[in-house]
Amino acid sequence: MKKQLALLACLAATPVEAAEYNLFNPVPDGKLRAMSTERPSKTDSIYTVDAGRFLLESSLVSYTHNNDCINGSCVKTDHTVFGQTTNLRIGLAPSWDLQIIVDPYRNLRVEDRATGVVDKRDGFGDTVLRLKYNVMGNEGGDGFALLPYIKLPTNQNDLGNDDVEGGFGIPFVFNLKDGWSIGGMTQFNALKEQTPNPDYYLAYANALIVGKNFTDKLSGYAEYYTYRADTDGAEWQNTTDFGIGYAVNDNFRIDTGVNIGVTNAADDLNWFVGGAYRF
């Protein structure tokens, strides 16, 4: 009788223990993977959020400065964003997560230095929906992921265009000895021309990143990022990027970084500070 009861208990427990974790059957605290975030680098992580868990990532403040002079016309741009790319990531299944990205508040100031005319705009930005699938390496190893996205035109006051756009990214990473890693990303973007007869065109982004875990809590990276639209007269928008992150605990991380333009078409400087919280 005791053996029969033990067998019944084992059979009753098996579906719960063997069930695949999902949005409605969250991974318990004791089985969570190390937290991995998309920020602060431009290169996306290959790792997904644990099934049934949520990860909120955001720049508390991001400031961008650019000063361009073309054919004698000089334009100075200052762009401040609070909560830039606030990203709510939702673990759907062991290798899948859904990402909802918004810019809650943008403040844009563009000054024509020749005429002194200043254009000021502020408001809500666009909304981006992304779906990440980890193909391999989700337990912290080498691997890559697939990351399609679609942008919805939810911006106010002409802070973006009014078109639906999208793309597809492939981030990858190789973990080396002594806390070093090397990775990167290639991304294809289908964007809309802002002309009287608009049509879609392709833009390409690529990144190469070297990361280092200095301690269990402190990490840093150096990154080279390139972007170019496949249109007549388009120029390379390349930056060198540096940042550090600090894990306050297993579920809370803060970071800061700077992106420096190395081509004329790129923004001169972008500085940001932000963080991420898993729940």
Foldseek 3Di string as FASTA:
>chain_A
DVVVVVVVVVVVCVCLVVPFAFLVRFDDPVPFAFDDAQDDDVFGDLAAGGHNKKKWWFFQKKWFWAWAADPNKIKIKIKMFGRAQTWIWHHGGRFKIKIKTWGQKMWIWMAGVVVRDIDIDMGIFKIKIKMKGRPDDNRPAWGKIKIKMKIAGPTPPCPDDHDIKIKIKMKTKHADPQFKIKIKMKMWIWDWDPDPDIDTWIKIKIKIKMKGDPDPFKIKIWMKMWIWTPDPPIDIWIWIKIKMKGDPDSFKIKMWIKIATPDNVHTGIMTTIIIMGMD
